[in-house]
């Protein structure tokens, strides 16, 4: 399959950083607060450590199968037919990920900015930009991410600085009131949302020019992204408190409404929505890229661009029906998502790594 160019290790770090934050910064603080209450920030911290182990697994898999996408790894480890079947699970997972993130985008804008606009229209507009980016190729997306990064960092620093006067340290007390169990479970939830979907970036990893140097940049980008989500979660607990944070669908957006500097600088949440627009775009784009590139590789198509338009239409349709309502979405996210993403993002990669190591040991031991 022909691809459009390669990327540098710095571009990989930027992509991984923005991809890790993605929609995580919008939805995770609520789930963490519902599980660990005022210890949600500790759950986010634990999630970063769990994420480090997950990233170690992906780096090891990258070393054992250099130059291969996830589809190629499945076929190399399990054979053409069985491997192709397992690869379809990843391709389908990437499709579902793109559709669910697109739903979050439409739902967010529909609730907070344009309530009288049909969500299907919002999703279609956003999908047009995503499809255009994927059709332009990996190099174009990476350069776009590099251009977006300074704006994201500026807005994020402004967010932290302007919210500092609203901090209420007593909201963190009592620490570990319910013990370590809820904190660990919140950590698993954090890692499942922020780090396990990184497995879909395997569609990008073979396109990096210098894989040896890129591995540390890859891990660094993901860890720094997790730290950003941790800081937002901490601010949500410090300012909103665990009750409001757990009941809010988008607590980090509610957090921005608290900005008030001298009764002059306030009501700037529309500007801050640019933070989440940037990261959500990158996450949706690479979910979609993993889907079309993986599907094209399984079918041995020469160019994945041939399927981007029909798949884009399918993405918009599925994004409208993937969650019948918000209650269904919250139930899926809290009960089904973690086992589902653990299977795709941890257990199957661990199995592939084990098979790769056994085959490598067997080839070294053979005369």
Protein backbone atom coordinates (compact mmCIF):
# COMPACT_ATOMS: atom_id res chain seq x y z
CA UNK A 1 0.00 0.00 0.00
CA UNK A 2 1.36 3.41 -0.93
CA UNK A 3 1.51 6.01 1.83
CA UNK A 4 2.01 9.74 1.77
CA UNK A 5 5.43 10.45 3.25
CA UNK A 6 7.18 9.97 6.56
CA UNK A 7 7.37 11.99 9.77
CA UNK A 8 10.15 12.96 12.17
CA UNK A 9 10.46 11.84 15.77
CA UNK A 10 9.52 15.34 16.94
CA UNK A 11 6.33 15.22 14.90
CA UNK A 12 5.53 11.82 16.40
CA UNK A 13 5.88 13.29 19.89
CA UNK A 14 3.52 16.16 19.04
CA UNK A 15 0.96 13.77 17.56
CA UNK A 16 1.17 11.42 20.54
CA UNK A 17 0.87 14.33 22.99
CA UNK A 18 -2.27 15.76 21.39
CA UNK A 19 -3.74 12.31 20.71
CA UNK A 20 -3.31 11.26 24.35
CA UNK A 21 -5.13 14.35 25.59
CA UNK A 22 -7.85 14.04 22.93
CA UNK A 23 -11.31 13.83 24.47
CA UNK A 24 -9.76 12.49 27.69
CA UNK A 25 -9.44 15.98 29.12
CA UNK A 26 -13.17 16.56 28.53
CA UNK A 27 -14.70 13.40 29.97
CA UNK A 28 -12.21 11.69 32.30
CA UNK A 29 -12.40 14.05 35.34
CA UNK A 30 -16.10 13.23 35.73
CA UNK A 31 -15.56 9.46 35.78
CA UNK A 32 -12.57 9.73 38.11
CA UNK A 33 -14.53 11.88 40.57
CA UNK A 34 -17.47 9.46 40.48
CA UNK A 35 -15.11 6.59 41.38
CA UNK A 36 -12.58 8.14 43.75
CA UNK A 37 -14.36 11.34 44.85
CA UNK A 38 -11.82 13.91 46.13
CA UNK A 39 -9.01 11.42 45.44
CA UNK A 40 -9.65 11.64 41.68
CA UNK A 41 -6.34 13.47 41.24
CA UNK A 42 -4.55 10.52 42.86
CA UNK A 43 -6.38 8.21 40.43
CA UNK A 44 -5.10 10.31 37.52
CA UNK A 45 -1.58 10.11 38.94
CA UNK A 46 -1.87 6.33 39.27
CA UNK A 47 -3.17 6.20 35.70
CA UNK A 48 0.02 7.84 34.44
CA UNK A 49 2.10 5.09 36.09
CA UNK A 50 -0.15 2.40 34.60
CA UNK A 51 0.20 4.19 31.28
CA UNK A 52 3.97 3.94 31.53
CA UNK A 53 3.67 0.14 31.67
CA UNK A 54 1.30 0.15 28.69
CA UNK A 55 3.68 2.32 26.67
CA UNK A 56 6.51 -0.05 27.59
CA UNK A 57 4.50 -2.89 26.08
CA UNK A 58 3.98 -0.94 22.86
CA UNK A 59 7.66 0.00 22.60
CA UNK A 60 8.62 -3.66 23.09
CA UNK A 61 6.14 -4.70 20.39
CA UNK A 62 7.60 -2.00 18.11
CA UNK A 63 11.12 -3.38 18.68
CA UNK A 64 10.15 -7.01 18.02
CA UNK A 65 8.21 -6.13 14.83
CA UNK A 66 10.07 -3.12 13.38
CA UNK A 67 8.62 -1.43 10.33
CA UNK A 68 5.20 -3.10 10.61
CA UNK A 69 1.77 -1.65 11.25
CA UNK A 70 -0.63 -3.39 13.60
CA UNK A 71 -2.13 -5.25 10.66
CA UNK A 72 1.33 -6.37 9.57
CA UNK A 73 2.19 -7.47 13.12
CA UNK A 74 -0.96 -9.59 13.37
CA UNK A 75 -0.25 -11.29 10.06
CA UNK A 76 3.45 -11.80 10.88
CA UNK A 77 2.63 -13.37 14.25
CA UNK A 78 -0.53 -15.34 13.44
CA UNK A 79 -0.43 -15.93 9.70
CA UNK A 80 -2.36 -14.36 6.83
CA UNK A 81 -5.86 -15.58 7.65
CA UNK A 82 -5.94 -15.74 11.46
CA UNK A 83 -3.82 -12.61 11.66
CA UNK A 84 -6.10 -10.84 9.21
CA UNK A 85 -9.10 -11.74 11.36
CA UNK A 86 -7.45 -10.35 14.49
CA UNK A 87 -6.38 -7.26 12.55
CA UNK A 88 -10.02 -6.67 11.66
CA UNK A 89 -10.72 -6.28 15.39
CA UNK A 90 -8.26 -3.40 15.52
CA UNK A 91 -9.63 -1.86 12.34
CA UNK A 92 -13.17 -2.07 13.70
CA UNK A 93 -11.99 -0.66 17.03
CA UNK A 94 -10.46 2.30 15.24
CA UNK A 95 -13.72 2.85 13.37
CA UNK A 96 -15.75 2.75 16.59
CA UNK A 97 -13.25 5.12 18.22
CA UNK A 98 -13.60 7.65 15.40
CA UNK A 99 -17.39 7.47 15.54
CA UNK A 100 -17.60 7.87 19.32
CA UNK A 101 -15.21 10.83 19.38
CA UNK A 102 -17.21 12.44 16.57
CA UNK A 103 -20.34 11.94 18.70
CA UNK A 104 -18.63 13.70 21.62
CA UNK A 105 -17.79 16.62 19.33
CA UNK A 106 -21.36 16.98 18.08
CA UNK A 107 -22.84 16.53 21.55
CA UNK A 108 -20.48 19.08 23.10
CA UNK A 109 -21.14 21.79 20.52
CA UNK A 110 -24.86 20.99 20.45
CA UNK A 111 -25.19 21.42 24.21
CA UNK A 112 -22.99 24.47 24.77
CA UNK A 113 -22.89 26.52 21.56
CA UNK A 114 -25.48 25.69 18.89
CA UNK A 115 -28.37 23.86 20.59
CA UNK A 116 -30.79 24.29 17.67
CA UNK A 117 -28.46 22.78 15.08
CA UNK A 118 -28.93 19.06 14.34
CA UNK A 119 -26.05 16.99 15.69
CA UNK A 120 -25.76 15.21 12.34
CA UNK A 121 -24.92 18.53 10.66
CA UNK A 122 -22.23 19.32 13.25
CA UNK A 123 -20.72 15.86 12.85
CA UNK A 124 -20.73 16.16 9.08
CA UNK A 125 -18.88 19.50 9.14
CA UNK A 126 -16.23 18.14 11.51
CA UNK A 127 -15.91 14.94 9.49
CA UNK A 128 -15.22 16.93 6.32
CA UNK A 129 -12.12 18.44 7.95
CA UNK A 130 -11.02 15.02 9.23
CA UNK A 131 -11.43 13.34 5.84
CA UNK A 132 -9.59 16.18 4.09
CA UNK A 133 -6.68 15.82 6.50
CA UNK A 134 -6.45 12.05 6.03
CA UNK A 135 -6.62 12.38 2.24
CA UNK A 136 -3.78 14.91 2.32
CA UNK A 137 -1.58 12.34 4.04
CA UNK A 138 0.43 11.80 7.18
CA UNK A 139 2.95 14.58 6.54
CA UNK A 140 0.22 17.18 6.16
CA UNK A 141 -1.52 16.09 9.37
CA UNK A 142 1.78 16.15 11.27
CA UNK A 143 2.64 19.66 10.09
CA UNK A 144 -0.85 20.81 11.03
CA UNK A 145 -0.36 19.37 14.52
CA UNK A 146 2.95 21.24 14.84
CA UNK A 147 1.20 24.49 13.90
CA UNK A 148 -1.59 23.82 16.41
CA UNK A 149 0.74 22.94 19.30
CA UNK A 150 1.87 26.50 20.26
CA UNK A 151 -1.74 27.71 20.37
CA UNK A 152 -2.71 24.77 22.52
CA UNK A 153 0.17 25.38 24.93
CA UNK A 154 -0.60 29.11 25.18
CA UNK A 155 -4.27 28.47 25.93
CA UNK A 156 -3.41 25.74 28.43
CA UNK A 157 -0.98 27.97 30.34
CA UNK A 158 -3.57 30.77 30.38
CA UNK A 159 -6.13 28.28 31.70
CA UNK A 160 -3.86 27.23 34.57
CA UNK A 161 -2.83 30.80 35.43
CA UNK A 162 -6.31 32.30 35.43
CA UNK A 163 -7.84 29.48 37.49
CA UNK A 164 -5.23 29.56 40.26
CA UNK A 165 -7.07 32.25 42.32
CA UNK A 166 -10.18 30.02 42.46
CA UNK A 167 -8.38 27.07 44.08
CA UNK A 168 -9.87 25.70 47.34
CA UNK A 169 -7.39 23.26 48.92
CA UNK A 170 -9.93 21.90 51.41
CA UNK A 171 -11.72 20.19 48.50
CA UNK A 172 -8.93 17.57 48.51
CA UNK A 173 -9.72 16.48 52.05
CA UNK A 174 -9.95 13.89 53.49
CA UNK A 175 -7.25 12.15 51.46
CA UNK A 176 -7.78 8.40 50.84
CA UNK A 177 -11.07 8.48 52.74
CA UNK A 178 -12.26 5.25 51.07
CA UNK A 179 -8.85 3.58 50.90
CA UNK A 180 -6.58 2.77 48.01
CA UNK A 181 -9.06 0.59 46.07
CA UNK A 182 -11.10 3.39 44.41
CA UNK A 183 -7.87 5.22 43.54
CA UNK A 184 -6.45 2.18 41.77
CA UNK A 185 -9.70 1.58 39.90
CA UNK A 186 -9.78 5.24 38.86
CA UNK A 187 -6.18 4.81 37.68
CA UNK A 188 -7.18 1.86 35.50
CA UNK A 189 -10.02 3.93 34.05
CA UNK A 190 -7.65 6.83 33.35
CA UNK A 191 -5.11 4.57 31.64
CA UNK A 192 -7.85 2.87 29.65
CA UNK A 193 -9.07 6.17 28.24
CA UNK A 194 -5.77 8.00 27.79
CA UNK A 195 -3.19 5.29 27.02
CA UNK A 196 -4.75 2.10 25.70
CA UNK A 197 -6.11 3.85 22.55
CA UNK A 198 -2.48 4.72 21.72
CA UNK A 199 -2.35 1.21 20.22
CA UNK A 200 -4.09 2.64 17.14
CA UNK A 201 -1.04 4.83 16.48
CA UNK A 202 0.73 1.69 15.25
CA UNK A 203 -0.62 2.69 11.84
CA UNK A 204 1.76 5.68 12.09
CA UNK A 205 4.86 4.20 13.76
CA UNK A 206 6.32 2.53 10.61
CA UNK A 207 6.31 5.95 8.91
CA UNK A 208 8.78 7.47 11.40
CA UNK A 209 12.16 8.23 9.83
CA UNK A 210 14.32 7.27 12.82
CA UNK A 211 12.55 4.63 14.94
CA UNK A 212 15.38 4.25 17.48
CA UNK A 213 15.27 7.92 18.45
CA UNK A 214 11.49 8.13 18.03
CA UNK A 215 10.68 5.60 20.76
CA UNK A 216 11.69 7.89 23.63
CA UNK A 217 9.84 10.82 21.99
CA UNK A 218 6.78 8.60 21.59
CA UNK A 219 6.76 7.74 25.32
CA UNK A 220 7.55 11.32 26.35
CA UNK A 221 4.66 12.74 24.32
CA UNK A 222 2.17 10.32 25.87
CA UNK A 223 3.40 10.91 29.44
CA UNK A 224 3.33 14.70 29.08
CA UNK A 225 -0.19 14.46 27.65
CA UNK A 226 -1.23 12.42 30.68
CA UNK A 227 0.28 15.04 33.00
CA UNK A 228 -1.84 17.74 31.31
CA UNK A 229 -5.00 15.70 31.93
CA UNK A 230 -3.87 15.14 35.54
CA UNK A 231 -3.52 18.91 36.05
CA UNK A 232 -7.02 19.55 34.67
CA UNK A 233 -8.45 16.81 36.92
CA UNK A 234 -6.69 18.32 39.93
CA UNK A 235 -8.11 21.76 39.12
CA UNK A 236 -11.60 20.31 38.73
CA UNK A 237 -11.44 18.83 42.24
CA UNK A 238 -9.78 21.92 43.75
CA UNK A 239 -12.27 24.38 42.25
CA UNK A 240 -15.52 22.56 41.49
CA UNK A 241 -15.27 19.89 44.18
CA UNK A 242 -15.93 16.16 43.73
CA UNK A 243 -19.74 16.43 43.69
CA UNK A 244 -20.04 18.94 40.84
CA UNK A 245 -17.19 17.28 38.94
CA UNK A 246 -18.81 13.84 39.08
CA UNK A 247 -22.24 15.16 38.02
CA UNK A 248 -21.00 17.27 35.11
CA UNK A 249 -20.76 15.69 31.66
CA UNK A 250 -17.90 18.02 30.67
CA UNK A 251 -16.39 19.20 33.98
CA UNK A 252 -13.32 20.79 32.41
CA UNK A 253 -15.60 23.08 30.41
CA UNK A 254 -17.54 23.97 33.56
CA UNK A 255 -14.16 24.75 35.11
CA UNK A 256 -13.40 27.41 32.51
CA UNK A 257 -16.61 29.22 33.41
CA UNK A 258 -15.07 29.95 36.81
CA UNK A 259 -12.42 32.23 35.29
CA UNK A 260 -12.95 35.75 36.59
CA UNK A 261 -10.04 38.19 36.79
CA UNK A 262 -11.04 41.54 38.27
CA UNK A 263 -14.63 41.16 37.04
CA UNK A 264 -13.21 41.91 33.60
CA UNK A 265 -11.66 38.73 32.17
CA UNK A 266 -14.56 36.28 32.28
CA UNK A 267 -16.90 34.23 30.09
CA UNK A 268 -14.00 33.17 27.86
CA UNK A 269 -15.00 29.52 27.66
CA UNK A 270 -15.63 29.82 23.91
CA UNK A 271 -11.95 30.64 23.43
CA UNK A 272 -10.87 27.83 25.69
CA UNK A 273 -12.99 25.40 23.68
CA UNK A 274 -10.20 25.76 21.13
CA UNK A 275 -8.07 23.61 23.44
CA UNK A 276 -10.39 20.66 23.08
CA UNK A 277 -11.08 21.32 19.42
CA UNK A 278 -7.37 20.90 18.61
CA UNK A 279 -6.88 17.69 20.58
CA UNK A 280 -10.20 16.19 19.52
CA UNK A 281 -9.40 16.84 15.87
CA UNK A 282 -6.07 15.01 16.16
CA UNK A 283 -7.65 12.07 17.96
CA UNK A 284 -10.51 11.73 15.47
CA UNK A 285 -8.13 12.05 12.54
CA UNK A 286 -5.83 9.27 13.69
CA UNK A 287 -8.69 6.98 14.62
CA UNK A 288 -9.98 7.51 11.10
CA UNK A 289 -6.49 7.15 9.60
CA UNK A 290 -5.98 3.85 11.44
CA UNK A 291 -9.31 2.62 10.13
CA UNK A 292 -8.86 3.45 6.44
CA UNK A 293 -5.14 2.58 6.34
CA UNK A 294 -5.67 -0.73 8.17
CA UNK A 295 -8.62 -1.72 6.02
CA UNK A 296 -6.68 -0.89 2.87
CA UNK A 297 -3.72 -2.93 4.05
CA UNK A 298 -5.90 -5.98 4.74
CA UNK A 299 -7.43 -5.73 1.25
CA UNK A 300 -4.01 -5.02 -0.31
CA UNK A 301 -5.18 -1.73 -1.83
CA UNK A 302 -2.46 0.44 -3.38
CA UNK A 303 -3.82 3.74 -2.01
CA UNK A 304 -5.95 4.20 1.09
CA UNK A 305 -7.23 7.54 -0.24
CA UNK A 306 -9.60 5.58 -2.50
CA UNK A 307 -11.80 4.65 0.47
CA UNK A 308 -11.67 7.87 2.52
CA UNK A 309 -14.81 9.46 1.05
CA UNK A 310 -17.18 6.47 1.39
CA UNK A 311 -15.75 5.70 4.82
CA UNK A 312 -16.22 9.34 5.79
CA UNK A 313 -19.93 9.10 4.94
CA UNK A 314 -20.18 5.88 6.93
CA UNK A 315 -18.43 7.57 9.85
CA UNK A 316 -20.97 10.40 9.98
CA UNK A 317 -23.91 7.98 9.87
CA UNK A 318 -22.48 5.74 12.58
CA UNK A 319 -21.57 8.72 14.80
CA UNK A 320 -25.26 9.64 15.00
CA UNK A 321 -26.42 6.15 16.00
CA UNK A 322 -23.44 4.85 18.02
CA UNK A 323 -25.03 6.20 21.22
CA UNK A 324 -28.84 6.34 21.22
CA UNK A 325 -28.77 8.85 24.09
CA UNK A 326 -26.51 10.29 26.77
CA UNK A 327 -27.59 7.75 29.39
CA UNK A 328 -26.54 4.92 27.07
CA UNK A 329 -23.21 6.67 26.45
CA UNK A 330 -22.49 7.04 30.18
CA UNK A 331 -23.42 3.41 30.85
CA UNK A 332 -21.17 2.19 27.99
CA UNK A 333 -18.26 4.33 29.13
CA UNK A 334 -18.53 3.19 32.76
CA UNK A 335 -19.19 -0.55 32.25
CA UNK A 336 -18.27 -1.77 28.75
CA UNK A 337 -15.48 0.46 27.49
CA UNK A 338 -12.73 -0.61 29.90
CA UNK A 339 -12.98 -4.41 29.27
CA UNK A 340 -13.33 -3.71 25.54
CA UNK A 341 -10.25 -1.47 25.27
CA UNK A 342 -8.25 -3.75 27.61
CA UNK A 343 -8.81 -6.60 25.17
CA UNK A 344 -7.79 -4.59 22.11
CA UNK A 345 -5.12 -2.43 23.68
CA UNK A 346 -3.45 -4.76 26.19
CA UNK A 347 -4.23 -8.47 26.02
CA UNK A 348 -3.94 -8.91 22.23
CA UNK A 349 -0.73 -6.82 21.97
CA UNK A 350 0.68 -8.81 24.90
CA UNK A 351 -0.15 -12.05 23.06
CA UNK A 352 1.47 -10.76 19.87
CA UNK A 353 4.57 -9.72 21.80
CA UNK A 354 4.81 -13.17 23.41
CA UNK A 355 4.55 -14.91 20.04
CA UNK A 356 7.16 -12.58 18.55
CA UNK A 357 9.60 -13.21 21.41
CA UNK A 358 9.10 -16.98 21.18
CA UNK A 359 9.74 -16.94 17.43
CA UNK A 360 12.83 -14.79 17.89
CA UNK A 361 14.17 -17.16 20.57
CA UNK A 362 13.42 -20.15 18.34
CA UNK A 363 15.23 -18.63 15.38
CA UNK A 364 18.30 -17.89 17.51
CA UNK A 365 18.32 -21.43 18.95
CA UNK A 366 17.96 -23.19 15.60
CA UNK A 367 21.23 -24.47 13.98
